[in-house]
Structures are given as structure tokens and as C-alpha cells.
Amino acid sequence: MASYRIHRLNETQRRQFRWAPHTGGATEVKPRDYQDGGSLEAPGEYAAWAALRGSDRALAVGDLLEKEDGALLICKYVGFEEARWVLSETANG
């Protein structure tokens, strides 16, 4: 069984995410827009979604599942798609 770390999208960003057009490819996400949502074990991402559905921990559109190998999956209306962290570049000088 796989272990997943849950990242919850902040509510202000969730409203923007819900109305953004669907794009192809990996979704770029910023760590500052997410809060720790705990973890769970499930055979796959859809099993994780189903296990939490109907509970106070249900996954919502924009939330992330992080696999043990660090791969990110974002919950969208169409299912789960690849995501990746975008780290801001710090100015040198």
C-alpha cells in the first residue's frame, strides 16, 4: 500500500483555482499556497480520494497528494493530474 502526504490548498487560492481554465501538462504549484493536511495509506490516488470522500478530510479540487517518491498529483474536476512545485528564485545581490 502506498503512503501519501496531503497538501491542502489555502481557501483564497482555491477560489482562483476553481475558476481557472483547464490546462494540459503538469500544473505548477507554489508551496506557500498549501498547508499540511496529514497523510494516509491507500493502494492508489483514487482509493485515497474514495477513502476520504464524505469525511471532514475529503480531498477538494486543488488539493495535492504527494507520493513517497516526491511525485505530486493535483485533484482536479477531471481526476488527478501531475503537478510540480515551483520555487521562487531569490534575487542575488
PDB file of N, CA and C in Angstrom:
ATOM      1  N   MET A   1       0.845  -1.177   0.000  1.00  0.00           N
ATOM      2  CA  MET A   1       0.000   0.000   0.000  1.00  0.00           C
ATOM      3  C   MET A   1       0.893   1.245   0.000  1.00  0.00           C
ATOM      4  N   ALA A   2       0.515   2.234  -0.770  1.00  0.00           N
ATOM      5  CA  ALA A   2       1.305   3.469  -0.876  1.00  0.00           C
ATOM      6  C   ALA A   2       0.942   4.449   0.234  1.00  0.00           C
ATOM      7  N   SER A   3       1.904   5.245   0.598  1.00  0.00           N
ATOM      8  CA  SER A   3       1.691   6.298   1.586  1.00  0.00           C
ATOM      9  C   SER A   3       1.652   7.637   0.849  1.00  0.00           C
ATOM     10  N   TYR A   4       0.675   8.465   1.186  1.00  0.00           N
ATOM     11  CA  TYR A   4       0.505   9.774   0.564  1.00  0.00           C
ATOM     12  C   TYR A   4       0.512  10.867   1.627  1.00  0.00           C
ATOM     13  N   ARG A   5       1.192  11.942   1.323  1.00  0.00           N
ATOM     14  CA  ARG A   5       1.150  13.148   2.151  1.00  0.00           C
ATOM     15  C   ARG A   5       0.145  14.082   1.487  1.00  0.00           C
ATOM     16  N   ILE A   6      -0.740  14.663   2.267  1.00  0.00           N
ATOM     17  CA  ILE A   6      -1.787  15.533   1.743  1.00  0.00           C
ATOM     18  C   ILE A   6      -1.373  16.989   1.936  1.00  0.00           C
ATOM     19  N   HIS A   7      -1.536  17.784   0.885  1.00  0.00           N
ATOM     20  CA  HIS A   7      -1.304  19.222   0.942  1.00  0.00           C
ATOM     21  C   HIS A   7      -2.625  19.896   0.595  1.00  0.00           C
ATOM     22  N   ARG A   8      -3.143  20.705   1.511  1.00  0.00           N
ATOM     23  CA  ARG A   8      -4.429  21.386   1.331  1.00  0.00           C
ATOM     24  C   ARG A   8      -4.205  22.791   0.779  1.00  0.00           C
ATOM     25  N   LEU A   9      -4.888  23.101  -0.305  1.00  0.00           N
ATOM     26  CA  LEU A   9      -4.805  24.421  -0.912  1.00  0.00           C
ATOM     27  C   LEU A   9      -5.501  25.437  -0.017  1.00  0.00           C
ATOM     28  N   ASN A  10      -4.859  26.586   0.214  1.00  0.00           N
ATOM     29  CA  ASN A  10      -5.469  27.657   1.002  1.00  0.00           C
ATOM     30  C   ASN A  10      -6.757  28.117   0.316  1.00  0.00           C
ATOM     31  N   GLU A  11      -7.751  28.507   1.094  1.00  0.00           N
ATOM     32  CA  GLU A  11      -9.065  28.859   0.550  1.00  0.00           C
ATOM     33  C   GLU A  11      -9.025  30.018  -0.446  1.00  0.00           C
ATOM     34  N   THR A  12      -8.190  31.021  -0.209  1.00  0.00           N
ATOM     35  CA  THR A  12      -8.143  32.144  -1.161  1.00  0.00           C
ATOM     36  C   THR A  12      -7.646  31.679  -2.522  1.00  0.00           C
ATOM     37  N   GLN A  13      -6.676  30.808  -2.559  1.00  0.00           N
ATOM     38  CA  GLN A  13      -6.168  30.279  -3.821  1.00  0.00           C
ATOM     39  C   GLN A  13      -7.156  29.277  -4.431  1.00  0.00           C
ATOM     40  N   ARG A  14      -7.912  28.581  -3.590  1.00  0.00           N
ATOM     41  CA  ARG A  14      -8.871  27.590  -4.093  1.00  0.00           C
ATOM     42  C   ARG A  14      -9.925  28.265  -4.976  1.00  0.00           C
ATOM     43  N   ARG A  15     -10.398  29.442  -4.557  1.00  0.00           N
ATOM     44  CA  ARG A  15     -11.396  30.147  -5.365  1.00  0.00           C
ATOM     45  C   ARG A  15     -10.829  30.474  -6.742  1.00  0.00           C
ATOM     46  N   GLN A  16      -9.581  30.930  -6.799  1.00  0.00           N
ATOM     47  CA  GLN A  16      -8.945  31.240  -8.082  1.00  0.00           C
ATOM     48  C   GLN A  16      -8.746  29.972  -8.904  1.00  0.00           C
ATOM     49  N   PHE A  17      -8.326  28.909  -8.262  1.00  0.00           N
ATOM     50  CA  PHE A  17      -8.063  27.648  -8.952  1.00  0.00           C
ATOM     51  C   PHE A  17      -9.342  27.087  -9.571  1.00  0.00           C
ATOM     52  N   ARG A  18     -10.440  27.185  -8.849  1.00  0.00           N
ATOM     53  CA  ARG A  18     -11.709  26.627  -9.327  1.00  0.00           C
ATOM     54  C   ARG A  18     -12.157  27.275 -10.628  1.00  0.00           C
ATOM     55  N   TRP A  19     -11.844  28.556 -10.814  1.00  0.00           N
ATOM     56  CA  TRP A  19     -12.310  29.286 -11.998  1.00  0.00           C
ATOM     57  C   TRP A  19     -11.256  29.371 -13.090  1.00  0.00           C
ATOM     58  N   ALA A  20     -10.076  28.871 -12.850  1.00  0.00           N
ATOM     59  CA  ALA A  20      -9.010  28.901 -13.866  1.00  0.00           C
ATOM     60  C   ALA A  20      -9.314  27.881 -14.955  1.00  0.00           C
ATOM     61  N   PRO A  21      -8.945  28.180 -16.205  1.00  0.00           N
ATOM     62  CA  PRO A  21      -9.181  27.210 -17.280  1.00  0.00           C
ATOM     63  C   PRO A  21      -8.324  25.963 -17.095  1.00  0.00           C
ATOM     64  N   HIS A  22      -8.821  24.842 -17.572  1.00  0.00           N
ATOM     65  CA  HIS A  22      -8.077  23.577 -17.504  1.00  0.00           C
ATOM     66  C   HIS A  22      -6.901  23.656 -18.474  1.00  0.00           C
ATOM     67  N   THR A  23      -5.740  23.271 -18.012  1.00  0.00           N
ATOM     68  CA  THR A  23      -4.552  23.283 -18.863  1.00  0.00           C
ATOM     69  C   THR A  23      -3.963  21.881 -18.928  1.00  0.00           C
ATOM     70  N   GLY A  24      -3.262  21.608 -20.015  1.00  0.00           N
ATOM     71  CA  GLY A  24      -2.599  20.321 -20.157  1.00  0.00           C
ATOM     72  C   GLY A  24      -1.220  20.360 -19.539  1.00  0.00           C
ATOM     73  N   GLY A  25      -0.626  19.210 -19.350  1.00  0.00           N
ATOM     74  CA  GLY A  25       0.707  19.143 -18.767  1.00  0.00           C
ATOM     75  C   GLY A  25       0.670  19.274 -17.260  1.00  0.00           C
ATOM     76  N   ALA A  26       1.840  19.262 -16.664  1.00  0.00           N
ATOM     77  CA  ALA A  26       1.956  19.357 -15.205  1.00  0.00           C
ATOM     78  C   ALA A  26       1.537  20.739 -14.724  1.00  0.00           C
ATOM     79  N   THR A  27       0.751  20.770 -13.661  1.00  0.00           N
ATOM     80  CA  THR A  27       0.327  22.022 -13.043  1.00  0.00           C
ATOM     81  C   THR A  27       1.431  22.493 -12.110  1.00  0.00           C
ATOM     82  N   GLU A  28       1.834  23.742 -12.247  1.00  0.00           N
ATOM     83  CA  GLU A  28       2.856  24.296 -11.366  1.00  0.00           C
ATOM     84  C   GLU A  28       2.185  24.886 -10.130  1.00  0.00           C
ATOM     85  N   VAL A  29       2.658  24.482  -8.957  1.00  0.00           N
ATOM     86  CA  VAL A  29       2.072  24.915  -7.692  1.00  0.00           C
ATOM     87  C   VAL A  29       3.153  25.490  -6.782  1.00  0.00           C
ATOM     88  N   LYS A  30       2.758  26.429  -5.936  1.00  0.00           N
ATOM     89  CA  LYS A  30       3.690  27.084  -5.020  1.00  0.00           C
ATOM     90  C   LYS A  30       3.488  26.548  -3.602  1.00  0.00           C
ATOM     91  N   PRO A  31       4.565  26.145  -2.942  1.00  0.00           N
ATOM     92  CA  PRO A  31       4.444  25.607  -1.579  1.00  0.00           C
ATOM     93  C   PRO A  31       3.728  26.564  -0.623  1.00  0.00           C
ATOM     94  N   ARG A  32       3.906  27.856  -0.793  1.00  0.00           N
ATOM     95  CA  ARG A  32       3.289  28.829   0.129  1.00  0.00           C
ATOM     96  C   ARG A  32       1.763  28.823   0.051  1.00  0.00           C
ATOM     97  N   ASP A  33       1.202  28.260  -1.018  1.00  0.00           N
ATOM     98  CA  ASP A  33      -0.249  28.220  -1.195  1.00  0.00           C
ATOM     99  C   ASP A  33      -0.897  27.009  -0.533  1.00  0.00           C
ATOM    100  N   TYR A  34      -0.091  26.175   0.123  1.00  0.00           N
ATOM    101  CA  TYR A  34      -0.591  24.919   0.691  1.00  0.00           C
ATOM    102  C   TYR A  34      -0.263  24.784   2.166  1.00  0.00           C
ATOM    103  N   GLN A  35      -1.125  24.024   2.852  1.00  0.00           N
ATOM    104  CA  GLN A  35      -0.914  23.689   4.256  1.00  0.00           C
ATOM    105  C   GLN A  35      -0.870  22.169   4.385  1.00  0.00           C
ATOM    106  N   ASP A  36      -0.172  21.698   5.401  1.00  0.00           N
ATOM    107  CA  ASP A  36      -0.083  20.262   5.651  1.00  0.00           C
ATOM    108  C   ASP A  36      -1.465  19.721   5.987  1.00  0.00           C
ATOM    109  N   GLY A  37      -1.817  18.630   5.340  1.00  0.00           N
ATOM    110  CA  GLY A  37      -3.113  18.011   5.583  1.00  0.00           C
ATOM    111  C   GLY A  37      -3.005  16.605   6.133  1.00  0.00           C
ATOM    112  N   GLY A  38      -1.827  16.267   6.636  1.00  0.00           N
ATOM    113  CA  GLY A  38      -1.646  14.934   7.197  1.00  0.00           C
ATOM    114  C   GLY A  38      -1.238  13.933   6.131  1.00  0.00           C
ATOM    115  N   SER A  39      -1.499  12.675   6.395  1.00  0.00           N
ATOM    116  CA  SER A  39      -1.121  11.624   5.454  1.00  0.00           C
ATOM    117  C   SER A  39      -2.101  10.467   5.566  1.00  0.00           C
ATOM    118  N   LEU A  40      -2.015   9.557   4.603  1.00  0.00           N
ATOM    119  CA  LEU A  40      -2.820   8.351   4.646  1.00  0.00           C
ATOM    120  C   LEU A  40      -2.190   7.298   3.756  1.00  0.00           C
ATOM    121  N   GLU A  41      -2.610   6.068   3.959  1.00  0.00           N
ATOM    122  CA  GLU A  41      -2.139   4.965   3.124  1.00  0.00           C
ATOM    123  C   GLU A  41      -3.311   4.457   2.308  1.00  0.00           C
ATOM    124  N   ALA A  42      -3.041   4.205   1.029  1.00  0.00           N
ATOM    125  CA  ALA A  42      -4.063   3.698   0.117  1.00  0.00           C
ATOM    126  C   ALA A  42      -3.373   3.015  -1.052  1.00  0.00           C
ATOM    127  N   PRO A  43      -4.058   2.112  -1.750  1.00  0.00           N
ATOM    128  CA  PRO A  43      -3.451   1.427  -2.885  1.00  0.00           C
ATOM    129  C   PRO A  43      -3.170   2.347  -4.071  1.00  0.00           C
ATOM    130  N   GLY A  44      -3.851   3.465  -4.168  1.00  0.00           N
ATOM    131  CA  GLY A  44      -3.662   4.410  -5.265  1.00  0.00           C
ATOM    132  C   GLY A  44      -4.344   5.726  -4.943  1.00  0.00           C
ATOM    133  N   GLU A  45      -4.147   6.722  -5.821  1.00  0.00           N
ATOM    134  CA  GLU A  45      -4.710   8.048  -5.548  1.00  0.00           C
ATOM    135  C   GLU A  45      -6.238   8.062  -5.542  1.00  0.00           C
ATOM    136  N   TYR A  46      -6.871   7.275  -6.400  1.00  0.00           N
ATOM    137  CA  TYR A  46      -8.336   7.261  -6.422  1.00  0.00           C
ATOM    138  C   TYR A  46      -8.896   6.529  -5.201  1.00  0.00           C
ATOM    139  N   ALA A  47      -8.164   5.551  -4.710  1.00  0.00           N
ATOM    140  CA  ALA A  47      -8.553   4.878  -3.467  1.00  0.00           C
ATOM    141  C   ALA A  47      -8.410   5.840  -2.293  1.00  0.00           C
ATOM    142  N   ALA A  48      -7.374   6.678  -2.318  1.00  0.00           N
ATOM    143  CA  ALA A  48      -7.187   7.694  -1.263  1.00  0.00           C
ATOM    144  C   ALA A  48      -8.348   8.679  -1.298  1.00  0.00           C
ATOM    145  N   TRP A  49      -8.708   9.129  -2.498  1.00  0.00           N
ATOM    146  CA  TRP A  49      -9.831  10.063  -2.659  1.00  0.00           C
ATOM    147  C   TRP A  49     -11.111   9.433  -2.114  1.00  0.00           C
ATOM    148  N   ALA A  50     -11.363   8.179  -2.487  1.00  0.00           N
ATOM    149  CA  ALA A  50     -12.575   7.492  -2.053  1.00  0.00           C
ATOM    150  C   ALA A  50     -12.597   7.286  -0.534  1.00  0.00           C
ATOM    151  N   ALA A  51     -11.437   6.986   0.047  1.00  0.00           N
ATOM    152  CA  ALA A  51     -11.366   6.758   1.494  1.00  0.00           C
ATOM    153  C   ALA A  51     -11.709   8.019   2.280  1.00  0.00           C
ATOM    154  N   LEU A  52     -11.374   9.180   1.726  1.00  0.00           N
ATOM    155  CA  LEU A  52     -11.622  10.438   2.433  1.00  0.00           C
ATOM    156  C   LEU A  52     -12.967  11.072   2.083  1.00  0.00           C
ATOM    157  N   ARG A  53     -13.563  10.652   0.954  1.00  0.00           N
ATOM    158  CA  ARG A  53     -14.830  11.223   0.495  1.00  0.00           C
ATOM    159  C   ARG A  53     -15.903  11.095   1.568  1.00  0.00           C
ATOM    160  N   GLY A  54     -16.652  12.165   1.761  1.00  0.00           N
ATOM    161  CA  GLY A  54     -17.724  12.148   2.756  1.00  0.00           C
ATOM    162  C   GLY A  54     -17.266  12.418   4.171  1.00  0.00           C
ATOM    163  N   SER A  55     -15.959  12.575   4.383  1.00  0.00           N
ATOM    164  CA  SER A  55     -15.439  12.864   5.724  1.00  0.00           C
ATOM    165  C   SER A  55     -15.058  14.344   5.816  1.00  0.00           C
ATOM    166  N   ASP A  56     -14.677  14.769   6.994  1.00  0.00           N
ATOM    167  CA  ASP A  56     -14.224  16.154   7.160  1.00  0.00           C
ATOM    168  C   ASP A  56     -12.828  16.356   6.572  1.00  0.00           C
ATOM    169  N   ARG A  57     -12.199  15.291   6.097  1.00  0.00           N
ATOM    170  CA  ARG A  57     -10.876  15.369   5.464  1.00  0.00           C
ATOM    171  C   ARG A  57     -10.943  15.140   3.959  1.00  0.00           C
ATOM    172  N   ALA A  58     -12.132  15.207   3.365  1.00  0.00           N
ATOM    173  CA  ALA A  58     -12.299  14.929   1.936  1.00  0.00           C
ATOM    174  C   ALA A  58     -11.373  15.807   1.102  1.00  0.00           C
ATOM    175  N   LEU A  59     -10.828  15.223   0.036  1.00  0.00           N
ATOM    176  CA  LEU A  59      -9.982  15.984  -0.881  1.00  0.00           C
ATOM    177  C   LEU A  59     -10.858  16.894  -1.731  1.00  0.00           C
ATOM    178  N   ALA A  60     -10.406  18.120  -1.921  1.00  0.00           N
ATOM    179  CA  ALA A  60     -11.132  19.099  -2.723  1.00  0.00           C
ATOM    180  C   ALA A  60     -10.299  19.458  -3.944  1.00  0.00           C
ATOM    181  N   VAL A  61     -10.949  20.041  -4.919  1.00  0.00           N
ATOM    182  CA  VAL A  61     -10.260  20.486  -6.126  1.00  0.00           C
ATOM    183  C   VAL A  61      -9.135  21.432  -5.723  1.00  0.00           C
ATOM    184  N   GLY A  62      -7.923  21.153  -6.220  1.00  0.00           N
ATOM    185  CA  GLY A  62      -6.748  21.957  -5.900  1.00  0.00           C
ATOM    186  C   GLY A  62      -5.840  21.334  -4.859  1.00  0.00           C
ATOM    187  N   ASP A  63      -6.352  20.374  -4.085  1.00  0.00           N
ATOM    188  CA  ASP A  63      -5.519  19.704  -3.082  1.00  0.00           C
ATOM    189  C   ASP A  63      -4.521  18.781  -3.781  1.00  0.00           C
ATOM    190  N   LEU A  64      -3.415  18.502  -3.087  1.00  0.00           N
ATOM    191  CA  LEU A  64      -2.351  17.667  -3.638  1.00  0.00           C
ATOM    192  C   LEU A  64      -2.170  16.390  -2.831  1.00  0.00           C
ATOM    193  N   LEU A  65      -1.799  15.346  -3.537  1.00  0.00           N
ATOM    194  CA  LEU A  65      -1.310  14.127  -2.908  1.00  0.00           C
ATOM    195  C   LEU A  65       0.152  13.997  -3.310  1.00  0.00           C
ATOM    196  N   GLU A  66       1.019  13.808  -2.337  1.00  0.00           N
ATOM    197  CA  GLU A  66       2.444  13.619  -2.607  1.00  0.00           C
ATOM    198  C   GLU A  66       2.795  12.168  -2.335  1.00  0.00           C
ATOM    199  N   LYS A  67       3.306  11.500  -3.355  1.00  0.00           N
ATOM    200  CA  LYS A  67       3.701  10.105  -3.222  1.00  0.00           C
ATOM    201  C   LYS A  67       5.002  10.000  -2.427  1.00  0.00           C
ATOM    202  N   GLU A  68       5.333   8.793  -2.025  1.00  0.00           N
ATOM    203  CA  GLU A  68       6.555   8.550  -1.252  1.00  0.00           C
ATOM    204  C   GLU A  68       7.814   8.975  -2.001  1.00  0.00           C
ATOM    205  N   ASP A  69       7.774   8.903  -3.334  1.00  0.00           N
ATOM    206  CA  ASP A  69       8.941   9.293  -4.130  1.00  0.00           C
ATOM    207  C   ASP A  69       8.986  10.796  -4.427  1.00  0.00           C
ATOM    208  N   GLY A  70       8.035  11.561  -3.869  1.00  0.00           N
ATOM    209  CA  GLY A  70       8.009  13.008  -4.055  1.00  0.00           C
ATOM    210  C   GLY A  70       7.149  13.474  -5.214  1.00  0.00           C
ATOM    211  N   ALA A  71       6.640  12.554  -6.026  1.00  0.00           N
ATOM    212  CA  ALA A  71       5.769  12.933  -7.144  1.00  0.00           C
ATOM    213  C   ALA A  71       4.477  13.530  -6.607  1.00  0.00           C
ATOM    214  N   LEU A  72       4.009  14.591  -7.262  1.00  0.00           N
ATOM    215  CA  LEU A  72       2.796  15.280  -6.841  1.00  0.00           C
ATOM    216  C   LEU A  72       1.655  15.008  -7.804  1.00  0.00           C
ATOM    217  N   LEU A  73       0.461  14.845  -7.242  1.00  0.00           N
ATOM    218  CA  LEU A  73      -0.764  14.705  -8.017  1.00  0.00           C
ATOM    219  C   LEU A  73      -1.757  15.734  -7.511  1.00  0.00           C
ATOM    220  N   ILE A  74      -2.337  16.509  -8.431  1.00  0.00           N
ATOM    221  CA  ILE A  74      -3.299  17.529  -8.042  1.00  0.00           C
ATOM    222  C   ILE A  74      -4.702  17.035  -8.353  1.00  0.00           C
ATOM    223  N   CYS A  75      -5.616  17.277  -7.439  1.00  0.00           N
ATOM    224  CA  CYS A  75      -7.009  16.881  -7.596  1.00  0.00           C
ATOM    225  C   CYS A  75      -7.710  17.943  -8.450  1.00  0.00           C
ATOM    226  N   LYS A  76      -8.225  17.509  -9.600  1.00  0.00           N
ATOM    227  CA  LYS A  76      -8.964  18.400 -10.492  1.00  0.00           C
ATOM    228  C   LYS A  76     -10.337  17.802 -10.733  1.00  0.00           C
ATOM    229  N   TYR A  77     -11.195  18.558 -11.404  1.00  0.00           N
ATOM    230  CA  TYR A  77     -12.532  18.059 -11.715  1.00  0.00           C
ATOM    231  C   TYR A  77     -12.478  16.789 -12.554  1.00  0.00           C
ATOM    232  N   VAL A  78     -11.447  16.634 -13.362  1.00  0.00           N
ATOM    233  CA  VAL A  78     -11.335  15.503 -14.279  1.00  0.00           C
ATOM    234  C   VAL A  78     -10.585  14.324 -13.660  1.00  0.00           C
ATOM    235  N   GLY A  79     -10.155  14.449 -12.440  1.00  0.00           N
ATOM    236  CA  GLY A  79      -9.384  13.399 -11.774  1.00  0.00           C
ATOM    237  C   GLY A  79      -8.070  13.952 -11.259  1.00  0.00           C
ATOM    238  N   PHE A  80      -7.074  13.102 -11.160  1.00  0.00           N
ATOM    239  CA  PHE A  80      -5.754  13.516 -10.689  1.00  0.00           C
ATOM    240  C   PHE A  80      -4.824  13.709 -11.870  1.00  0.00           C
ATOM    241  N   GLU A  81      -4.031  14.775 -11.805  1.00  0.00           N
ATOM    242  CA  GLU A  81      -3.044  15.045 -12.839  1.00  0.00           C
ATOM    243  C   GLU A  81      -1.723  15.400 -12.180  1.00  0.00           C
ATOM    244  N   GLU A  82      -0.665  15.315 -12.962  1.00  0.00           N
ATOM    245  CA  GLU A  82       0.682  15.610 -12.476  1.00  0.00           C
ATOM    246  C   GLU A  82       0.792  17.080 -12.065  1.00  0.00           C
ATOM    247  N   ALA A  83       1.549  17.324 -11.008  1.00  0.00           N
ATOM    248  CA  ALA A  83       1.846  18.686 -10.556  1.00  0.00           C
ATOM    249  C   ALA A  83       3.315  18.743 -10.173  1.00  0.00           C
ATOM    250  N   ARG A  84       3.843  19.945 -10.066  1.00  0.00           N
ATOM    251  CA  ARG A  84       5.229  20.104  -9.601  1.00  0.00           C
ATOM    252  C   ARG A  84       5.348  21.417  -8.851  1.00  0.00           C
ATOM    253  N   TRP A  85       6.214  21.390  -7.848  1.00  0.00           N
ATOM    254  CA  TRP A  85       6.481  22.591  -7.051  1.00  0.00           C
ATOM    255  C   TRP A  85       7.234  23.613  -7.894  1.00  0.00           C
ATOM    256  N   VAL A  86       6.856  24.861  -7.757  1.00  0.00           N
ATOM    257  CA  VAL A  86       7.583  25.967  -8.364  1.00  0.00           C
ATOM    258  C   VAL A  86       8.178  26.757  -7.209  1.00  0.00           C
ATOM    259  N   LEU A  87       9.483  26.787  -7.161  1.00  0.00           N
ATOM    260  CA  LEU A  87      10.161  27.515  -6.090  1.00  0.00           C
ATOM    261  C   LEU A  87      10.604  28.867  -6.643  1.00  0.00           C
ATOM    262  N   SER A  88      10.255  29.935  -5.922  1.00  0.00           N
ATOM    263  CA  SER A  88      10.637  31.267  -6.399  1.00  0.00           C
ATOM    264  C   SER A  88      12.138  31.415  -6.361  1.00  0.00           C
ATOM    265  N   GLU A  89      12.619  32.082  -7.380  1.00  0.00           N
ATOM    266  CA  GLU A  89      14.043  32.364  -7.420  1.00  0.00           C
ATOM    267  C   GLU A  89      14.323  33.572  -6.537  1.00  0.00           C
ATOM    268  N   THR A  90      15.364  33.469  -5.739  1.00  0.00           N
ATOM    269  CA  THR A  90      15.723  34.591  -4.887  1.00  0.00           C
ATOM    270  C   THR A  90      16.716  35.479  -5.644  1.00  0.00           C
ATOM    271  N   ALA A  91      16.568  36.766  -5.445  1.00  0.00           N
ATOM    272  CA  ALA A  91      17.452  37.698  -6.132  1.00  0.00           C
ATOM    273  C   ALA A  91      18.845  37.632  -5.518  1.00  0.00           C
ATOM    274  N   ASN A  92      19.839  37.567  -6.360  1.00  0.00           N
ATOM    275  CA  ASN A  92      21.225  37.571  -5.880  1.00  0.00           C
ATOM    276  C   ASN A  92      21.695  39.018  -5.778  1.00  0.00           C
ATOM    277  N   GLY A  93      22.407  39.298  -4.791  1.00  0.00           N
ATOM    278  CA  GLY A  93      22.969  40.623  -4.771  1.00  0.00           C
ATOM    279  C   GLY A  93      22.976  41.210  -3.455  1.00  0.00           C
TER     280      GLY A  93
END
